[in-house]
Amino acid sequence: GLRFANRWAPGPARQWDLGLVHVGIGNPARGLCG
């Protein structure tokens, strides 16, 4: 098993930088257990 707990800082799980626009989806703070 991974040696750290399922506790993550808030922010996008994935992010795309499109010039001046930054697009993010997901929030690890809700958990990444799966």
All heavy atoms as atom14 arrays in JSON, in Angstrom:
{
  "sequence": "GLRFANRWAPGPARQWDLGLVHVGIGNPARGLCG",
  "atom14_mask": [
    [1, 1, 1, 1, 0, 0, 0, 0, 0, 0, 0, 0, 0, 0],
    [1, 1, 1, 1, 1, 1, 1, 1, 0, 0, 0, 0, 0, 0],
    [1, 1, 1, 1, 1, 1, 1, 1, 1, 1, 1, 0, 0, 0],
    [1, 1, 1, 1, 1, 1, 1, 1, 1, 1, 1, 0, 0, 0],
    [1, 1, 1, 1, 1, 0, 0, 0, 0, 0, 0, 0, 0, 0],
    [1, 1, 1, 1, 1, 1, 1, 1, 0, 0, 0, 0, 0, 0],
    [1, 1, 1, 1, 1, 1, 1, 1, 1, 1, 1, 0, 0, 0],
    [1, 1, 1, 1, 1, 1, 1, 1, 1, 1, 1, 1, 1, 1],
    [1, 1, 1, 1, 1, 0, 0, 0, 0, 0, 0, 0, 0, 0],
    [1, 1, 1, 1, 1, 1, 1, 0, 0, 0, 0, 0, 0, 0],
    [1, 1, 1, 1, 0, 0, 0, 0, 0, 0, 0, 0, 0, 0],
    [1, 1, 1, 1, 1, 1, 1, 0, 0, 0, 0, 0, 0, 0],
    [1, 1, 1, 1, 1, 0, 0, 0, 0, 0, 0, 0, 0, 0],
    [1, 1, 1, 1, 1, 1, 1, 1, 1, 1, 1, 0, 0, 0],
    [1, 1, 1, 1, 1, 1, 1, 1, 1, 0, 0, 0, 0, 0],
    [1, 1, 1, 1, 1, 1, 1, 1, 1, 1, 1, 1, 1, 1],
    [1, 1, 1, 1, 1, 1, 1, 1, 0, 0, 0, 0, 0, 0],
    [1, 1, 1, 1, 1, 1, 1, 1, 0, 0, 0, 0, 0, 0],
    [1, 1, 1, 1, 0, 0, 0, 0, 0, 0, 0, 0, 0, 0],
    [1, 1, 1, 1, 1, 1, 1, 1, 0, 0, 0, 0, 0, 0],
    [1, 1, 1, 1, 1, 1, 1, 0, 0, 0, 0, 0, 0, 0],
    [1, 1, 1, 1, 1, 1, 1, 1, 1, 1, 0, 0, 0, 0],
    [1, 1, 1, 1, 1, 1, 1, 0, 0, 0, 0, 0, 0, 0],
    [1, 1, 1, 1, 0, 0, 0, 0, 0, 0, 0, 0, 0, 0],
    [1, 1, 1, 1, 1, 1, 1, 1, 0, 0, 0, 0, 0, 0],
    [1, 1, 1, 1, 0, 0, 0, 0, 0, 0, 0, 0, 0, 0],
    [1, 1, 1, 1, 1, 1, 1, 1, 0, 0, 0, 0, 0, 0],
    [1, 1, 1, 1, 1, 1, 1, 0, 0, 0, 0, 0, 0, 0],
    [1, 1, 1, 1, 1, 0, 0, 0, 0, 0, 0, 0, 0, 0],
    [1, 1, 1, 1, 1, 1, 1, 1, 1, 1, 1, 0, 0, 0],
    [1, 1, 1, 1, 0, 0, 0, 0, 0, 0, 0, 0, 0, 0],
    [1, 1, 1, 1, 1, 1, 1, 1, 0, 0, 0, 0, 0, 0],
    [1, 1, 1, 1, 1, 1, 0, 0, 0, 0, 0, 0, 0, 0],
    [1, 1, 1, 1, 0, 0, 0, 0, 0, 0, 0, 0, 0, 0]
  ],
  "atom14_positions": [
    [[0.83, -1.2, 0.0], [0.0, 0.0, 0.0], [0.87, 1.25, 0.0], [2.01, 1.23, 0.46], [0.0, 0.0, 0.0], [0.0, 0.0, 0.0], [0.0, 0.0, 0.0], [0.0, 0.0, 0.0], [0.0, 0.0, 0.0], [0.0, 0.0, 0.0], [0.0, 0.0, 0.0], [0.0, 0.0, 0.0], [0.0, 0.0, 0.0], [0.0, 0.0, 0.0]],
    [[0.34, 2.35, -0.53], [1.11, 3.59, -0.53], [1.33, 4.03, 0.92], [0.48, 3.84, 1.79], [0.37, 4.66, -1.32], [0.1, 4.29, -2.79], [-0.55, 5.45, -3.53], [1.39, 3.88, -3.49], [0.0, 0.0, 0.0], [0.0, 0.0, 0.0], [0.0, 0.0, 0.0], [0.0, 0.0, 0.0], [0.0, 0.0, 0.0], [0.0, 0.0, 0.0]],
    [[2.49, 4.64, 1.17], [2.94, 4.88, 2.54], [2.42, 6.18, 3.13], [2.76, 6.51, 4.27], [4.47, 4.85, 2.58], [5.04, 3.47, 2.25], [6.55, 3.44, 2.31], [7.06, 2.08, 2.32], [7.35, 1.37, 1.24], [7.17, 1.91, 0.04], [7.8, 0.14, 1.32], [0.0, 0.0, 0.0], [0.0, 0.0, 0.0], [0.0, 0.0, 0.0]],
    [[1.62, 6.92, 2.39], [1.06, 8.18, 2.87], [-0.45, 8.08, 2.86], [-1.04, 7.23, 2.18], [1.53, 9.35, 1.99], [1.42, 9.08, 0.52], [0.23, 9.29, -0.16], [2.51, 8.59, -0.19], [0.12, 9.01, -1.52], [2.41, 8.31, -1.55], [1.21, 8.54, -2.22], [0.0, 0.0, 0.0], [0.0, 0.0, 0.0], [0.0, 0.0, 0.0]],
    [[-1.09, 8.95, 3.64], [-2.55, 8.9, 3.77], [-3.23, 9.64, 2.63], [-2.63, 10.49, 1.96], [-2.97, 9.51, 5.12], [0.0, 0.0, 0.0], [0.0, 0.0, 0.0], [0.0, 0.0, 0.0], [0.0, 0.0, 0.0], [0.0, 0.0, 0.0], [0.0, 0.0, 0.0], [0.0, 0.0, 0.0], [0.0, 0.0, 0.0], [0.0, 0.0, 0.0]],
    [[-4.48, 9.34, 2.45], [-5.31, 9.93, 1.41], [-5.78, 11.33, 1.85], [-6.97, 11.59, 2.01], [-6.51, 8.99, 1.16], [-7.44, 9.5, 0.09], [-7.02, 10.15, -0.87], [-8.73, 9.21, 0.24], [0.0, 0.0, 0.0], [0.0, 0.0, 0.0], [0.0, 0.0, 0.0], [0.0, 0.0, 0.0], [0.0, 0.0, 0.0], [0.0, 0.0, 0.0]],
    [[-4.82, 12.21, 2.03], [-5.11, 13.6, 2.41], [-4.32, 14.51, 1.47], [-3.09, 14.45, 1.41], [-4.71, 13.87, 3.87], [-5.6, 13.15, 4.87], [-5.37, 13.65, 6.28], [-4.06, 13.25, 6.78], [-3.83, 12.13, 7.47], [-4.83, 11.28, 7.71], [-2.62, 11.84, 7.9], [0.0, 0.0, 0.0], [0.0, 0.0, 0.0], [0.0, 0.0, 0.0]],
    [[-5.05, 15.38, 0.76], [-4.46, 16.17, -0.32], [-4.87, 17.63, -0.19], [-5.96, 17.94, 0.27], [-4.92, 15.63, -1.68], [-4.66, 14.17, -1.86], [-5.44, 13.14, -1.44], [-3.51, 13.58, -2.47], [-4.86, 11.93, -1.76], [-3.68, 12.17, -2.39], [-2.37, 14.08, -3.09], [-2.76, 11.27, -2.91], [-1.45, 13.19, -3.6], [-1.64, 11.81, -3.51]],
    [[-3.98, 18.5, -0.64], [-4.28, 19.93, -0.63], [-5.32, 20.24, -1.71], [-5.38, 19.56, -2.75], [-3.0, 20.73, -0.89], [0.0, 0.0, 0.0], [0.0, 0.0, 0.0], [0.0, 0.0, 0.0], [0.0, 0.0, 0.0], [0.0, 0.0, 0.0], [0.0, 0.0, 0.0], [0.0, 0.0, 0.0], [0.0, 0.0, 0.0], [0.0, 0.0, 0.0]],
    [[-6.16, 21.24, -1.5], [-7.13, 21.62, -2.53], [-6.45, 22.19, -3.77], [-5.36, 22.75, -3.7], [-8.0, 22.67, -1.83], [-7.13, 23.22, -0.74], [-6.27, 22.08, -0.3], [0.0, 0.0, 0.0], [0.0, 0.0, 0.0], [0.0, 0.0, 0.0], [0.0, 0.0, 0.0], [0.0, 0.0, 0.0], [0.0, 0.0, 0.0], [0.0, 0.0, 0.0]],
    [[-7.11, 22.03, -4.89], [-6.58, 22.51, -6.16], [-7.01, 21.58, -7.26], [-7.62, 20.53, -7.01], [0.0, 0.0, 0.0], [0.0, 0.0, 0.0], [0.0, 0.0, 0.0], [0.0, 0.0, 0.0], [0.0, 0.0, 0.0], [0.0, 0.0, 0.0], [0.0, 0.0, 0.0], [0.0, 0.0, 0.0], [0.0, 0.0, 0.0], [0.0, 0.0, 0.0]],
    [[-6.7, 21.9, -8.53], [-7.1, 21.02, -9.63], [-6.28, 19.75, -9.67], [-5.07, 19.77, -9.46], [-6.85, 21.89, -10.87], [-5.75, 22.82, -10.46], [-5.98, 23.11, -8.99], [0.0, 0.0, 0.0], [0.0, 0.0, 0.0], [0.0, 0.0, 0.0], [0.0, 0.0, 0.0], [0.0, 0.0, 0.0], [0.0, 0.0, 0.0], [0.0, 0.0, 0.0]],
    [[-6.95, 18.64, -9.94], [-6.22, 17.39, -10.12], [-5.47, 17.37, -11.44], [-4.36, 16.85, -11.54], [-7.2, 16.21, -10.06], [0.0, 0.0, 0.0], [0.0, 0.0, 0.0], [0.0, 0.0, 0.0], [0.0, 0.0, 0.0], [0.0, 0.0, 0.0], [0.0, 0.0, 0.0], [0.0, 0.0, 0.0], [0.0, 0.0, 0.0], [0.0, 0.0, 0.0]],
    [[-6.09, 17.96, -12.44], [-5.45, 18.12, -13.74], [-5.6, 19.57, -14.17], [-6.62, 20.2, -13.91], [-6.1, 17.22, -14.8], [-5.72, 15.76, -14.72], [-6.41, 14.97, -15.79], [-6.0, 13.57, -15.81], [-6.62, 12.63, -16.5], [-7.71, 12.92, -17.21], [-6.2, 11.38, -16.47], [0.0, 0.0, 0.0], [0.0, 0.0, 0.0], [0.0, 0.0, 0.0]],
    [[-4.58, 20.08, -14.86], [-4.64, 21.47, -15.31], [-4.02, 21.6, -16.68], [-2.98, 21.01, -16.96], [-3.91, 22.38, -14.3], [-3.95, 23.85, -14.68], [-3.45, 24.72, -13.55], [-4.01, 24.72, -12.45], [-2.39, 25.47, -13.8], [0.0, 0.0, 0.0], [0.0, 0.0, 0.0], [0.0, 0.0, 0.0], [0.0, 0.0, 0.0], [0.0, 0.0, 0.0]],
    [[-4.66, 22.38, -17.52], [-4.16, 22.68, -18.86], [-3.92, 24.18, -18.97], [-4.79, 24.98, -18.61], [-5.15, 22.25, -19.93], [-5.32, 20.76, -20.03], [-4.63, 19.9, -20.83], [-6.25, 19.95, -19.31], [-5.06, 18.61, -20.63], [-6.06, 18.6, -19.72], [-7.23, 20.23, -18.34], [-6.81, 17.56, -19.2], [-7.97, 19.19, -17.83], [-7.76, 17.88, -18.26]],
    [[-2.74, 24.57, -19.43], [-2.41, 25.98, -19.63], [-2.61, 26.31, -21.1], [-1.87, 25.83, -21.97], [-0.96, 26.25, -19.22], [-0.73, 26.01, -17.73], [-1.65, 26.31, -16.96], [0.35, 25.52, -17.38], [0.0, 0.0, 0.0], [0.0, 0.0, 0.0], [0.0, 0.0, 0.0], [0.0, 0.0, 0.0], [0.0, 0.0, 0.0], [0.0, 0.0, 0.0]],
    [[-3.61, 27.15, -21.38], [-3.97, 27.53, -22.74], [-3.71, 29.02, -22.91], [-4.63, 29.84, -22.94], [-5.44, 27.19, -23.03], [-5.86, 25.75, -22.75], [-7.35, 25.58, -22.93], [-5.09, 24.79, -23.64], [0.0, 0.0, 0.0], [0.0, 0.0, 0.0], [0.0, 0.0, 0.0], [0.0, 0.0, 0.0], [0.0, 0.0, 0.0], [0.0, 0.0, 0.0]],
    [[-2.43, 29.36, -23.0], [-2.09, 30.77, -23.09], [-2.4, 31.47, -21.78], [-1.85, 31.15, -20.73], [0.0, 0.0, 0.0], [0.0, 0.0, 0.0], [0.0, 0.0, 0.0], [0.0, 0.0, 0.0], [0.0, 0.0, 0.0], [0.0, 0.0, 0.0], [0.0, 0.0, 0.0], [0.0, 0.0, 0.0], [0.0, 0.0, 0.0], [0.0, 0.0, 0.0]],
    [[-3.3, 32.46, -21.83], [-3.68, 33.2, -20.63], [-4.75, 32.5, -19.81], [-5.11, 32.95, -18.73], [-4.18, 34.61, -21.02], [-3.15, 35.5, -21.73], [-3.81, 36.83, -22.13], [-1.94, 35.74, -20.85], [0.0, 0.0, 0.0], [0.0, 0.0, 0.0], [0.0, 0.0, 0.0], [0.0, 0.0, 0.0], [0.0, 0.0, 0.0], [0.0, 0.0, 0.0]],
    [[-5.24, 31.4, -20.33], [-6.33, 30.68, -19.68], [-5.79, 29.39, -19.07], [-5.08, 28.63, -19.72], [-7.47, 30.35, -20.67], [-8.58, 29.58, -19.98], [-8.02, 31.64, -21.28], [0.0, 0.0, 0.0], [0.0, 0.0, 0.0], [0.0, 0.0, 0.0], [0.0, 0.0, 0.0], [0.0, 0.0, 0.0], [0.0, 0.0, 0.0], [0.0, 0.0, 0.0]],
    [[-6.14, 29.15, -17.81], [-5.74, 27.92, -17.12], [-7.01, 27.14, -16.79], [-7.9, 27.64, -16.11], [-4.99, 28.24, -15.84], [-3.79, 29.12, -16.06], [-2.61, 28.65, -16.58], [-3.62, 30.45, -15.86], [-1.75, 29.63, -16.67], [-2.34, 30.75, -16.25], [0.0, 0.0, 0.0], [0.0, 0.0, 0.0], [0.0, 0.0, 0.0], [0.0, 0.0, 0.0]],
    [[-7.08, 25.92, -17.31], [-8.28, 25.1, -17.13], [-7.93, 23.93, -16.23], [-6.99, 23.17, -16.5], [-8.81, 24.58, -18.48], [-10.04, 23.7, -18.26], [-9.13, 25.75, -19.41], [0.0, 0.0, 0.0], [0.0, 0.0, 0.0], [0.0, 0.0, 0.0], [0.0, 0.0, 0.0], [0.0, 0.0, 0.0], [0.0, 0.0, 0.0], [0.0, 0.0, 0.0]],
    [[-8.67, 23.77, -15.13], [-8.42, 22.67, -14.21], [-9.69, 21.88, -13.95], [-10.8, 22.43, -14.01], [0.0, 0.0, 0.0], [0.0, 0.0, 0.0], [0.0, 0.0, 0.0], [0.0, 0.0, 0.0], [0.0, 0.0, 0.0], [0.0, 0.0, 0.0], [0.0, 0.0, 0.0], [0.0, 0.0, 0.0], [0.0, 0.0, 0.0], [0.0, 0.0, 0.0]],
    [[-9.55, 20.6, -13.65], [-10.7, 19.77, -13.28], [-10.31, 18.92, -12.07], [-9.14, 18.61, -11.86], [-11.17, 18.85, -14.43], [-10.07, 17.86, -14.82], [-11.64, 19.65, -15.62], [-10.54, 16.78, -15.76], [0.0, 0.0, 0.0], [0.0, 0.0, 0.0], [0.0, 0.0, 0.0], [0.0, 0.0, 0.0], [0.0, 0.0, 0.0], [0.0, 0.0, 0.0]],
    [[-11.33, 18.55, -11.31], [-11.1, 17.7, -10.15], [-10.52, 18.47, -8.98], [-9.97, 19.55, -9.13], [0.0, 0.0, 0.0], [0.0, 0.0, 0.0], [0.0, 0.0, 0.0], [0.0, 0.0, 0.0], [0.0, 0.0, 0.0], [0.0, 0.0, 0.0], [0.0, 0.0, 0.0], [0.0, 0.0, 0.0], [0.0, 0.0, 0.0], [0.0, 0.0, 0.0]],
    [[-10.66, 17.89, -7.79], [-10.13, 18.49, -6.57], [-9.59, 17.39, -5.68], [-10.37, 16.65, -5.06], [-11.21, 19.29, -5.85], [-10.69, 19.97, -4.59], [-9.5, 19.9, -4.28], [-11.58, 20.62, -3.87], [0.0, 0.0, 0.0], [0.0, 0.0, 0.0], [0.0, 0.0, 0.0], [0.0, 0.0, 0.0], [0.0, 0.0, 0.0], [0.0, 0.0, 0.0]],
    [[-8.26, 17.24, -5.59], [-7.69, 16.15, -4.78], [-8.13, 16.2, -3.32], [-8.1, 15.15, -2.65], [-6.18, 16.37, -4.92], [-6.01, 17.13, -6.18], [-7.22, 18.01, -6.29], [0.0, 0.0, 0.0], [0.0, 0.0, 0.0], [0.0, 0.0, 0.0], [0.0, 0.0, 0.0], [0.0, 0.0, 0.0], [0.0, 0.0, 0.0], [0.0, 0.0, 0.0]],
    [[-8.5, 17.38, -2.82], [-8.9, 17.48, -1.42], [-10.11, 16.61, -1.11], [-10.35, 16.26, 0.05], [-9.19, 18.94, -1.05], [0.0, 0.0, 0.0], [0.0, 0.0, 0.0], [0.0, 0.0, 0.0], [0.0, 0.0, 0.0], [0.0, 0.0, 0.0], [0.0, 0.0, 0.0], [0.0, 0.0, 0.0], [0.0, 0.0, 0.0], [0.0, 0.0, 0.0]],
    [[-10.88, 16.23, -2.13], [-12.01, 15.33, -1.94], [-11.57, 13.88, -1.85], [-12.38, 13.0, -1.56], [-13.02, 15.51, -3.08], [-13.69, 16.87, -3.12], [-14.62, 17.01, -4.31], [-15.67, 16.01, -4.31], [-16.8, 16.11, -3.62], [-17.02, 17.16, -2.86], [-17.71, 15.16, -3.67], [0.0, 0.0, 0.0], [0.0, 0.0, 0.0], [0.0, 0.0, 0.0]],
    [[-10.29, 13.61, -2.08], [-9.75, 12.26, -1.94], [-9.41, 11.63, -3.28], [-10.07, 11.88, -4.29], [0.0, 0.0, 0.0], [0.0, 0.0, 0.0], [0.0, 0.0, 0.0], [0.0, 0.0, 0.0], [0.0, 0.0, 0.0], [0.0, 0.0, 0.0], [0.0, 0.0, 0.0], [0.0, 0.0, 0.0], [0.0, 0.0, 0.0], [0.0, 0.0, 0.0]],
    [[-8.37, 10.82, -3.27], [-7.92, 10.09, -4.47], [-7.8, 8.6, -4.14], [-6.88, 7.92, -4.6], [-6.58, 10.64, -4.96], [-6.57, 12.1, -5.43], [-5.14, 12.54, -5.76], [-7.47, 12.3, -6.65], [0.0, 0.0, 0.0], [0.0, 0.0, 0.0], [0.0, 0.0, 0.0], [0.0, 0.0, 0.0], [0.0, 0.0, 0.0], [0.0, 0.0, 0.0]],
    [[-8.75, 8.08, -3.36], [-8.66, 6.7, -2.9], [-8.66, 5.71, -4.06], [-7.92, 4.72, -4.05], [-9.78, 6.38, -1.92], [-11.46, 6.71, -2.54], [0.0, 0.0, 0.0], [0.0, 0.0, 0.0], [0.0, 0.0, 0.0], [0.0, 0.0, 0.0], [0.0, 0.0, 0.0], [0.0, 0.0, 0.0], [0.0, 0.0, 0.0], [0.0, 0.0, 0.0]],
    [[-9.5, 5.96, -5.08], [-9.55, 5.04, -6.21], [-8.22, 4.96, -6.93], [-7.74, 3.87, -7.28], [0.0, 0.0, 0.0], [0.0, 0.0, 0.0], [0.0, 0.0, 0.0], [0.0, 0.0, 0.0], [0.0, 0.0, 0.0], [0.0, 0.0, 0.0], [0.0, 0.0, 0.0], [0.0, 0.0, 0.0], [0.0, 0.0, 0.0], [0.0, 0.0, 0.0]]
  ]
}
